[in-house]
C-alpha atoms as a PDB file:
ATOM      1  CA  UNK A   1       0.141  11.114 -24.314  1.00  0.00           C
ATOM      2  CA  UNK A   2       2.639   8.290 -24.031  1.00  0.00           C
ATOM      3  CA  UNK A   3       0.285   5.517 -24.791  1.00  0.00           C
ATOM      4  CA  UNK A   4      -1.660   7.108 -27.702  1.00  0.00           C
ATOM      5  CA  UNK A   5      -3.600   4.389 -29.707  1.00  0.00           C
ATOM      6  CA  UNK A   6      -2.333   1.554 -27.507  1.00  0.00           C
ATOM      7  CA  UNK A   7      -4.620  -1.456 -26.748  1.00  0.00           C
ATOM      8  CA  UNK A   8      -4.045  -2.048 -23.181  1.00  0.00           C
ATOM      9  CA  UNK A   9      -5.441  -4.954 -20.968  1.00  0.00           C
ATOM     10  CA  UNK A  10      -5.451  -4.278 -17.180  1.00  0.00           C
ATOM     11  CA  UNK A  11      -6.536  -7.250 -14.938  1.00  0.00           C
ATOM     12  CA  UNK A  12      -7.860  -6.691 -11.283  1.00  0.00           C
ATOM     13  CA  UNK A  13      -9.045  -3.402 -12.836  1.00  0.00           C
ATOM     14  CA  UNK A  14     -12.029  -2.759 -10.413  1.00  0.00           C
ATOM     15  CA  UNK A  15     -10.045  -1.190  -7.513  1.00  0.00           C
ATOM     16  CA  UNK A  16      -6.886  -0.134  -6.046  1.00  0.00           C
ATOM     17  CA  UNK A  17      -3.819  -0.097  -8.311  1.00  0.00           C
ATOM     18  CA  UNK A  18      -5.622  -1.658 -11.138  1.00  0.00           C
ATOM     19  CA  UNK A  19      -8.406   1.085 -11.171  1.00  0.00           C
ATOM     20  CA  UNK A  20      -5.685   3.680 -10.758  1.00  0.00           C
ATOM     21  CA  UNK A  21      -3.828   2.181 -13.699  1.00  0.00           C
ATOM     22  CA  UNK A  22      -6.843   2.126 -16.134  1.00  0.00           C
ATOM     23  CA  UNK A  23      -7.288   6.023 -15.217  1.00  0.00           C
ATOM     24  CA  UNK A  24      -3.630   6.845 -15.865  1.00  0.00           C
ATOM     25  CA  UNK A  25      -3.275   4.660 -19.038  1.00  0.00           C
ATOM     26  CA  UNK A  26      -6.433   6.543 -20.446  1.00  0.00           C
ATOM     27  CA  UNK A  27      -5.033   9.804 -19.505  1.00  0.00           C
ATOM     28  CA  UNK A  28      -1.976   8.817 -21.483  1.00  0.00           C
ATOM     29  CA  UNK A  29      -4.295   8.110 -24.637  1.00  0.00           C
ATOM     30  CA  UNK A  30      -4.554   4.353 -24.315  1.00  0.00           C
ATOM     31  CA  UNK A  31      -7.641   2.316 -25.135  1.00  0.00           C
ATOM     32  CA  UNK A  32      -8.170   0.570 -21.951  1.00  0.00           C
ATOM     33  CA  UNK A  33      -9.633  -2.936 -21.678  1.00  0.00           C
ATOM     34  CA  UNK A  34     -10.450  -3.399 -17.942  1.00  0.00           C
ATOM     35  CA  UNK A  35     -10.743  -6.984 -16.597  1.00  0.00           C
ATOM     36  CA  UNK A  36     -12.130  -8.100 -13.209  1.00  0.00           C
ATOM     37  CA  UNK A  37     -14.080 -10.654 -11.725  1.00  0.00           C
ATOM     38  CA  UNK A  38     -16.687  -8.004 -10.916  1.00  0.00           C
ATOM     39  CA  UNK A  39     -17.613  -5.855 -13.990  1.00  0.00           C
ATOM     40  CA  UNK A  40     -18.601  -2.200 -13.246  1.00  0.00           C
ATOM     41  CA  UNK A  41     -17.815   1.202 -14.115  1.00  0.00           C
ATOM     42  CA  UNK A  42     -14.158   1.770 -14.004  1.00  0.00           C
ATOM     43  CA  UNK A  43     -12.556   5.233 -14.802  1.00  0.00           C
ATOM     44  CA  UNK A  44     -10.812   5.249 -18.119  1.00  0.00           C
ATOM     45  CA  UNK A  45     -12.030   2.048 -19.349  1.00  0.00           C
ATOM     46  CA  UNK A  46     -13.100   1.848 -22.951  1.00  0.00           C
ATOM     47  CA  UNK A  47     -14.450  -1.599 -22.377  1.00  0.00           C
ATOM     48  CA  UNK A  48     -14.877  -3.938 -19.509  1.00  0.00           C
ATOM     49  CA  UNK A  49     -14.957  -7.726 -19.285  1.00  0.00           C
ATOM     50  CA  UNK A  50     -16.115  -9.900 -16.266  1.00  0.00           C
ATOM     51  CA  UNK A  51     -13.435 -12.468 -16.225  1.00  0.00           C
ATOM     52  CA  UNK A  52     -12.217 -15.057 -13.653  1.00  0.00           C
ATOM     53  CA  UNK A  53      -8.291 -15.389 -14.712  1.00  0.00           C
ATOM     54  CA  UNK A  54      -8.259 -18.640 -13.174  1.00  0.00           C
ATOM     55  CA  UNK A  55     -10.476 -19.984 -15.839  1.00  0.00           C
ATOM     56  CA  UNK A  56      -8.559 -20.187 -19.086  1.00  0.00           C
ATOM     57  CA  UNK A  57     -11.747 -20.516 -21.315  1.00  0.00           C
ATOM     58  CA  UNK A  58     -12.746 -17.083 -19.933  1.00  0.00           C
ATOM     59  CA  UNK A  59      -9.375 -15.562 -20.630  1.00  0.00           C
ATOM     60  CA  UNK A  60      -9.241 -16.968 -24.243  1.00  0.00           C
ATOM     61  CA  UNK A  61     -12.753 -15.727 -24.790  1.00  0.00           C
ATOM     62  CA  UNK A  62     -11.817 -12.179 -23.546  1.00  0.00           C
ATOM     63  CA  UNK A  63      -8.622 -12.012 -25.757  1.00  0.00           C
ATOM     64  CA  UNK A  64     -10.451 -13.187 -28.769  1.00  0.00           C
ATOM     65  CA  UNK A  65     -13.148 -10.337 -28.306  1.00  0.00           C
ATOM     66  CA  UNK A  66     -10.335  -7.771 -27.940  1.00  0.00           C
ATOM     67  CA  UNK A  67      -8.506  -8.908 -31.058  1.00  0.00           C
ATOM     68  CA  UNK A  68     -11.670  -9.028 -33.142  1.00  0.00           C
ATOM     69  CA  UNK A  69     -12.559  -5.491 -32.214  1.00  0.00           C
ATOM     70  CA  UNK A  70      -9.098  -4.041 -32.240  1.00  0.00           C
ATOM     71  CA  UNK A  71      -6.862  -6.294 -34.250  1.00  0.00           C
ATOM     72  CA  UNK A  72      -3.979  -6.061 -31.915  1.00  0.00           C
ATOM     73  CA  UNK A  73      -2.953  -5.954 -28.056  1.00  0.00           C
ATOM     74  CA  UNK A  74      -0.043  -3.951 -27.123  1.00  0.00           C
ATOM     75  CA  UNK A  75       0.100  -4.038 -23.521  1.00  0.00           C
ATOM     76  CA  UNK A  76      -0.938  -6.445 -20.663  1.00  0.00           C
ATOM     77  CA  UNK A  77      -0.813  -5.550 -17.053  1.00  0.00           C
ATOM     78  CA  UNK A  78      -1.187  -8.475 -14.832  1.00  0.00           C
ATOM     79  CA  UNK A  79      -2.337  -6.618 -11.871  1.00  0.00           C
ATOM     80  CA  UNK A  80      -4.858  -9.055 -10.369  1.00  0.00           C
ATOM     81  CA  UNK A  81      -4.070 -10.490  -7.020  1.00  0.00           C
ATOM     82  CA  UNK A  82      -5.498 -11.739  -3.634  1.00  0.00           C
ATOM     83  CA  UNK A  83      -4.055 -12.499  -0.433  1.00  0.00           C
ATOM     84  CA  UNK A  84      -5.301 -15.043   1.994  1.00  0.00           C
ATOM     85  CA  UNK A  85      -2.600 -15.165   4.907  1.00  0.00           C
ATOM     86  CA  UNK A  86      -1.561 -17.359   7.592  1.00  0.00           C
ATOM     87  CA  UNK A  87       1.550 -18.790   9.293  1.00  0.00           C
ATOM     88  CA  UNK A  88       2.862 -22.095   7.761  1.00  0.00           C
ATOM     89  CA  UNK A  89       1.457 -24.278  10.327  1.00  0.00           C
ATOM     90  CA  UNK A  90      -2.028 -22.889  10.224  1.00  0.00           C
ATOM     91  CA  UNK A  91      -2.462 -22.312   6.482  1.00  0.00           C
ATOM     92  CA  UNK A  92      -5.001 -24.363   4.859  1.00  0.00           C
ATOM     93  CA  UNK A  93      -4.611 -26.058   1.549  1.00  0.00           C
ATOM     94  CA  UNK A  94      -7.621 -24.053   0.151  1.00  0.00           C
ATOM     95  CA  UNK A  95      -5.726 -20.770   1.259  1.00  0.00           C
ATOM     96  CA  UNK A  96      -2.661 -21.865  -0.492  1.00  0.00           C
ATOM     97  CA  UNK A  97      -4.405 -23.234  -3.533  1.00  0.00           C
ATOM     98  CA  UNK A  98      -6.704 -19.934  -4.158  1.00  0.00           C
ATOM     99  CA  UNK A  99      -3.655 -17.540  -4.049  1.00  0.00           C
ATOM    100  CA  UNK A 100      -1.669 -19.699  -6.287  1.00  0.00           C
ATOM    101  CA  UNK A 101      -4.471 -20.010  -8.753  1.00  0.00           C
ATOM    102  CA  UNK A 102      -5.009 -16.193  -9.059  1.00  0.00           C
ATOM    103  CA  UNK A 103      -1.620 -14.722  -8.580  1.00  0.00           C
ATOM    104  CA  UNK A 104       0.377 -17.323 -10.394  1.00  0.00           C
ATOM    105  CA  UNK A 105      -1.933 -19.553 -12.647  1.00  0.00           C
ATOM    106  CA  UNK A 106      -3.845 -16.472 -13.711  1.00  0.00           C
ATOM    107  CA  UNK A 107      -0.925 -14.436 -14.619  1.00  0.00           C
ATOM    108  CA  UNK A 108       0.252 -17.570 -16.826  1.00  0.00           C
ATOM    109  CA  UNK A 109      -3.082 -17.708 -18.403  1.00  0.00           C
ATOM    110  CA  UNK A 110      -3.343 -14.073 -19.485  1.00  0.00           C
ATOM    111  CA  UNK A 111       0.338 -13.791 -20.828  1.00  0.00           C
ATOM    112  CA  UNK A 112       0.277 -17.066 -22.590  1.00  0.00           C
ATOM    113  CA  UNK A 113      -3.065 -15.961 -24.233  1.00  0.00           C
ATOM    114  CA  UNK A 114      -1.698 -12.600 -25.671  1.00  0.00           C
ATOM    115  CA  UNK A 115       1.992 -13.689 -26.212  1.00  0.00           C
ATOM    116  CA  UNK A 116       1.454 -15.336 -29.677  1.00  0.00           C
ATOM    117  CA  UNK A 117      -0.201 -12.028 -30.732  1.00  0.00           C
ATOM    118  CA  UNK A 118       2.452  -9.839 -29.591  1.00  0.00           C
ATOM    119  CA  UNK A 119       5.115 -11.931 -31.267  1.00  0.00           C
ATOM    120  CA  UNK A 120       3.222 -11.882 -34.470  1.00  0.00           C
ATOM    121  CA  UNK A 121       3.077  -8.308 -34.179  1.00  0.00           C
ATOM    122  CA  UNK A 122       6.578  -7.838 -33.346  1.00  0.00           C
ATOM    123  CA  UNK A 123       5.816  -5.620 -30.440  1.00  0.00           C
ATOM    124  CA  UNK A 124       4.154  -5.613 -26.942  1.00  0.00           C
ATOM    125  CA  UNK A 125       4.674  -5.229 -23.202  1.00  0.00           C
ATOM    126  CA  UNK A 126       3.744  -7.480 -20.533  1.00  0.00           C
ATOM    127  CA  UNK A 127       4.008  -6.158 -17.080  1.00  0.00           C
ATOM    128  CA  UNK A 128       3.597  -8.305 -13.802  1.00  0.00           C
ATOM    129  CA  UNK A 129       2.681  -7.198 -10.504  1.00  0.00           C
ATOM    130  CA  UNK A 130       5.223  -8.615  -8.013  1.00  0.00           C
ATOM    131  CA  UNK A 131       5.761  -7.111  -4.574  1.00  0.00           C
ATOM    132  CA  UNK A 132       8.587  -6.471  -1.975  1.00  0.00           C
ATOM    133  CA  UNK A 133       7.285  -9.735  -0.576  1.00  0.00           C
ATOM    134  CA  UNK A 134       8.605 -11.293  -3.555  1.00  0.00           C
ATOM    135  CA  UNK A 135      11.775 -10.091  -2.927  1.00  0.00           C
ATOM    136  CA  UNK A 136      12.333 -10.362   0.844  1.00  0.00           C
ATOM    137  CA  UNK A 137       9.328 -12.676   1.984  1.00  0.00           C
ATOM    138  CA  UNK A 138       7.005 -11.906   4.693  1.00  0.00           C
ATOM    139  CA  UNK A 139       5.682 -13.443   7.902  1.00  0.00           C
ATOM    140  CA  UNK A 140       2.463 -15.206   7.518  1.00  0.00           C
ATOM    141  CA  UNK A 141       2.546 -15.083   3.657  1.00  0.00           C
ATOM    142  CA  UNK A 142       3.969 -18.351   2.303  1.00  0.00           C
ATOM    143  CA  UNK A 143       1.402 -18.657  -0.415  1.00  0.00           C
ATOM    144  CA  UNK A 144       1.599 -14.866  -1.418  1.00  0.00           C
ATOM    145  CA  UNK A 145       5.332 -14.771  -1.315  1.00  0.00           C
ATOM    146  CA  UNK A 146       5.711 -17.830  -3.406  1.00  0.00           C
ATOM    147  CA  UNK A 147       3.458 -16.134  -6.003  1.00  0.00           C
ATOM    148  CA  UNK A 148       5.420 -12.854  -5.983  1.00  0.00           C
ATOM    149  CA  UNK A 149       8.574 -14.798  -6.076  1.00  0.00           C
ATOM    150  CA  UNK A 150       7.112 -16.866  -8.942  1.00  0.00           C
ATOM    151  CA  UNK A 151       6.108 -13.811 -11.273  1.00  0.00           C
ATOM    152  CA  UNK A 152       9.630 -12.686 -10.916  1.00  0.00           C
ATOM    153  CA  UNK A 153      10.647 -15.991 -12.471  1.00  0.00           C
ATOM    154  CA  UNK A 154       8.005 -15.623 -15.090  1.00  0.00           C
ATOM    155  CA  UNK A 155       9.472 -12.065 -16.006  1.00  0.00           C
ATOM    156  CA  UNK A 156      13.000 -13.183 -16.169  1.00  0.00           C
ATOM    157  CA  UNK A 157      12.075 -16.114 -18.233  1.00  0.00           C
ATOM    158  CA  UNK A 158       9.737 -14.434 -20.740  1.00  0.00           C
ATOM    159  CA  UNK A 159      11.891 -11.522 -21.112  1.00  0.00           C
ATOM    160  CA  UNK A 160      14.397 -14.057 -22.650  1.00  0.00           C
ATOM    161  CA  UNK A 161      12.046 -15.974 -24.624  1.00  0.00           C
ATOM    162  CA  UNK A 162       9.876 -13.108 -26.134  1.00  0.00           C
ATOM    163  CA  UNK A 163      12.526 -10.304 -26.287  1.00  0.00           C
ATOM    164  CA  UNK A 164      13.866 -11.476 -29.697  1.00  0.00           C
ATOM    165  CA  UNK A 165      10.311 -11.074 -31.091  1.00  0.00           C
ATOM    166  CA  UNK A 166      10.061  -7.410 -29.836  1.00  0.00           C
ATOM    167  CA  UNK A 167       8.133  -7.996 -26.693  1.00  0.00           C
ATOM    168  CA  UNK A 168       9.221  -6.696 -23.451  1.00  0.00           C
ATOM    169  CA  UNK A 169       8.361  -8.152 -19.988  1.00  0.00           C
ATOM    170  CA  UNK A 170       8.904  -6.288 -16.752  1.00  0.00           C
ATOM    171  CA  UNK A 171       7.650  -6.433 -13.161  1.00  0.00           C
ATOM    172  CA  UNK A 172       6.940  -3.909 -10.625  1.00  0.00           C
ATOM    173  CA  UNK A 173       7.287  -4.691  -6.904  1.00  0.00           C
ATOM    174  CA  UNK A 174       5.240  -2.401  -4.641  1.00  0.00           C
ATOM    175  CA  UNK A 175       5.722  -1.793  -1.006  1.00  0.00           C
ATOM    176  CA  UNK A 176       2.947  -0.803   1.213  1.00  0.00           C
ATOM    177  CA  UNK A 177       0.041   0.868  -0.772  1.00  0.00           C
ATOM    178  CA  UNK A 178      -3.073   2.561   0.343  1.00  0.00           C
ATOM    179  CA  UNK A 179      -5.625  -0.164  -1.417  1.00  0.00           C
ATOM    180  CA  UNK A 180      -8.681  -1.919  -0.199  1.00  0.00           C
ATOM    181  CA  UNK A 181      -6.413  -4.797   0.525  1.00  0.00           C
ATOM    182  CA  UNK A 182      -5.252  -3.153   3.584  1.00  0.00           C
ATOM    183  CA  UNK A 183      -8.537  -1.512   4.640  1.00  0.00           C
ATOM    184  CA  UNK A 184      -8.956  -3.887   7.374  1.00  0.00           C
ATOM    185  CA  UNK A 185      -5.392  -3.295   8.941  1.00  0.00           C
ATOM    186  CA  UNK A 186      -5.673  -1.597  12.505  1.00  0.00           C
ATOM    187  CA  UNK A 187      -4.337   1.907  12.556  1.00  0.00           C
ATOM    188  CA  UNK A 188      -1.602   0.827  15.133  1.00  0.00           C
ATOM    189  CA  UNK A 189      -0.259  -1.485  12.404  1.00  0.00           C
ATOM    190  CA  UNK A 190      -0.597   1.050   9.870  1.00  0.00           C
ATOM    191  CA  UNK A 191       1.660   3.370  11.636  1.00  0.00           C
ATOM    192  CA  UNK A 192       4.147   0.848  12.245  1.00  0.00           C
ATOM    193  CA  UNK A 193       4.067   0.227   8.286  1.00  0.00           C
ATOM    194  CA  UNK A 194       4.619   3.864   7.756  1.00  0.00           C
ATOM    195  CA  UNK A 195       7.556   3.954  10.159  1.00  0.00           C
ATOM    196  CA  UNK A 196       9.291   1.462   8.395  1.00  0.00           C
ATOM    197  CA  UNK A 197       9.344   3.434   5.062  1.00  0.00           C
ATOM    198  CA  UNK A 198      11.961   6.471   4.969  1.00  0.00           C
ATOM    199  CA  UNK A 199       9.285   8.814   3.235  1.00  0.00           C
ATOM    200  CA  UNK A 200       6.910   7.865   6.378  1.00  0.00           C
ATOM    201  CA  UNK A 201       3.802   7.197   4.275  1.00  0.00           C
ATOM    202  CA  UNK A 202       2.309   4.617   2.187  1.00  0.00           C
ATOM    203  CA  UNK A 203       2.051   4.698  -1.653  1.00  0.00           C
ATOM    204  CA  UNK A 204      -0.847   5.841  -3.554  1.00  0.00           C
ATOM    205  CA  UNK A 205      -2.246   3.585  -6.054  1.00  0.00           C
ATOM    206  CA  UNK A 206      -1.571   6.373  -8.549  1.00  0.00           C
ATOM    207  CA  UNK A 207       2.181   6.257  -7.712  1.00  0.00           C
ATOM    208  CA  UNK A 208       2.406   2.590  -8.848  1.00  0.00           C
ATOM    209  CA  UNK A 209       0.318   3.339 -11.864  1.00  0.00           C
ATOM    210  CA  UNK A 210       2.788   5.889 -13.151  1.00  0.00           C
ATOM    211  CA  UNK A 211       5.549   3.270 -13.169  1.00  0.00           C
ATOM    212  CA  UNK A 212       3.452   0.907 -15.145  1.00  0.00           C
ATOM    213  CA  UNK A 213       2.491   3.673 -17.658  1.00  0.00           C
ATOM    214  CA  UNK A 214       6.429   4.497 -17.978  1.00  0.00           C
ATOM    215  CA  UNK A 215       7.120   0.770 -18.423  1.00  0.00           C
ATOM    216  CA  UNK A 216       4.397   0.526 -21.194  1.00  0.00           C
ATOM    217  CA  UNK A 217       5.600   3.356 -23.064  1.00  0.00           C
ATOM    218  CA  UNK A 218       8.496   3.636 -25.706  1.00  0.00           C
ATOM    219  CA  UNK A 219      10.267   5.692 -22.921  1.00  0.00           C
ATOM    220  CA  UNK A 220      11.035   2.387 -21.598  1.00  0.00           C
ATOM    221  CA  UNK A 221      12.034   0.783 -24.919  1.00  0.00           C
ATOM    222  CA  UNK A 222      15.242  -0.757 -23.625  1.00  0.00           C
ATOM    223  CA  UNK A 223      13.981  -1.853 -20.239  1.00  0.00           C
ATOM    224  CA  UNK A 224      13.341  -5.640 -20.276  1.00  0.00           C
ATOM    225  CA  UNK A 225      13.551  -8.515 -17.681  1.00  0.00           C
ATOM    226  CA  UNK A 226      13.739  -5.854 -14.757  1.00  0.00           C
ATOM    227  CA  UNK A 227      12.018  -5.671 -11.534  1.00  0.00           C
ATOM    228  CA  UNK A 228      11.485  -2.124 -10.381  1.00  0.00           C
ATOM    229  CA  UNK A 229      10.777  -1.644  -6.580  1.00  0.00           C
ATOM    230  CA  UNK A 230       8.412   0.965  -5.765  1.00  0.00           C
ATOM    231  CA  UNK A 231       8.550   0.937  -1.911  1.00  0.00           C
ATOM    232  CA  UNK A 232       9.689   4.328  -0.857  1.00  0.00           C
ATOM    233  CA  UNK A 233      12.897   2.881   0.196  1.00  0.00           C
ATOM    234  CA  UNK A 234      11.375   0.600   2.951  1.00  0.00           C
ATOM    235  CA  UNK A 235      13.980  -2.206   2.107  1.00  0.00           C
ATOM    236  CA  UNK A 236      16.964   0.163   2.470  1.00  0.00           C
END
């Protein structure tokens, strides 16, 4: 049990990779704090908080409650994210702002809210959800690509700033994953997506969660400032 007794916050916890991460962390012995806009039953969660991560007051209130009950925060997984796709010439300001607010500003809010505690402890792990889109860009995803490039910038910067305090910061860049985010994609398009991957399949959320669990654990104690691509080789 690699995360025994660790206090771990997971955002975007209600479905997909977030839900799988909660279940994996719990199986590894963690106390899981599940955070999402829509509270509900989440497998493996010890506590759930209904939080809009774009609202700093809500984030601070949640972090304060976790500290009041547990006295520490060991891991933050910045998993929450949204897409609102359109080509550059068609994208609305609202589409752009909404994705920036959740995927970039929300990550900043959550990370800043826990960083002081982690530094005071002399230990902690922050894990950011990037994407292969954040490495290579993607048609129709100006806003999403910008945020996923952005969290890589966060990761590289924070690993330098927080590393001397004993806090590791890393990012995971998944490829195509079987999540509700792609539930509306036509089967013909899904098949094309599978063909782009040498393994000829999409990832399961649990496969991304396993990478988060490794990075959160002491097995990854010398990994800092790294972006791990988990894409089945699609970018080869």
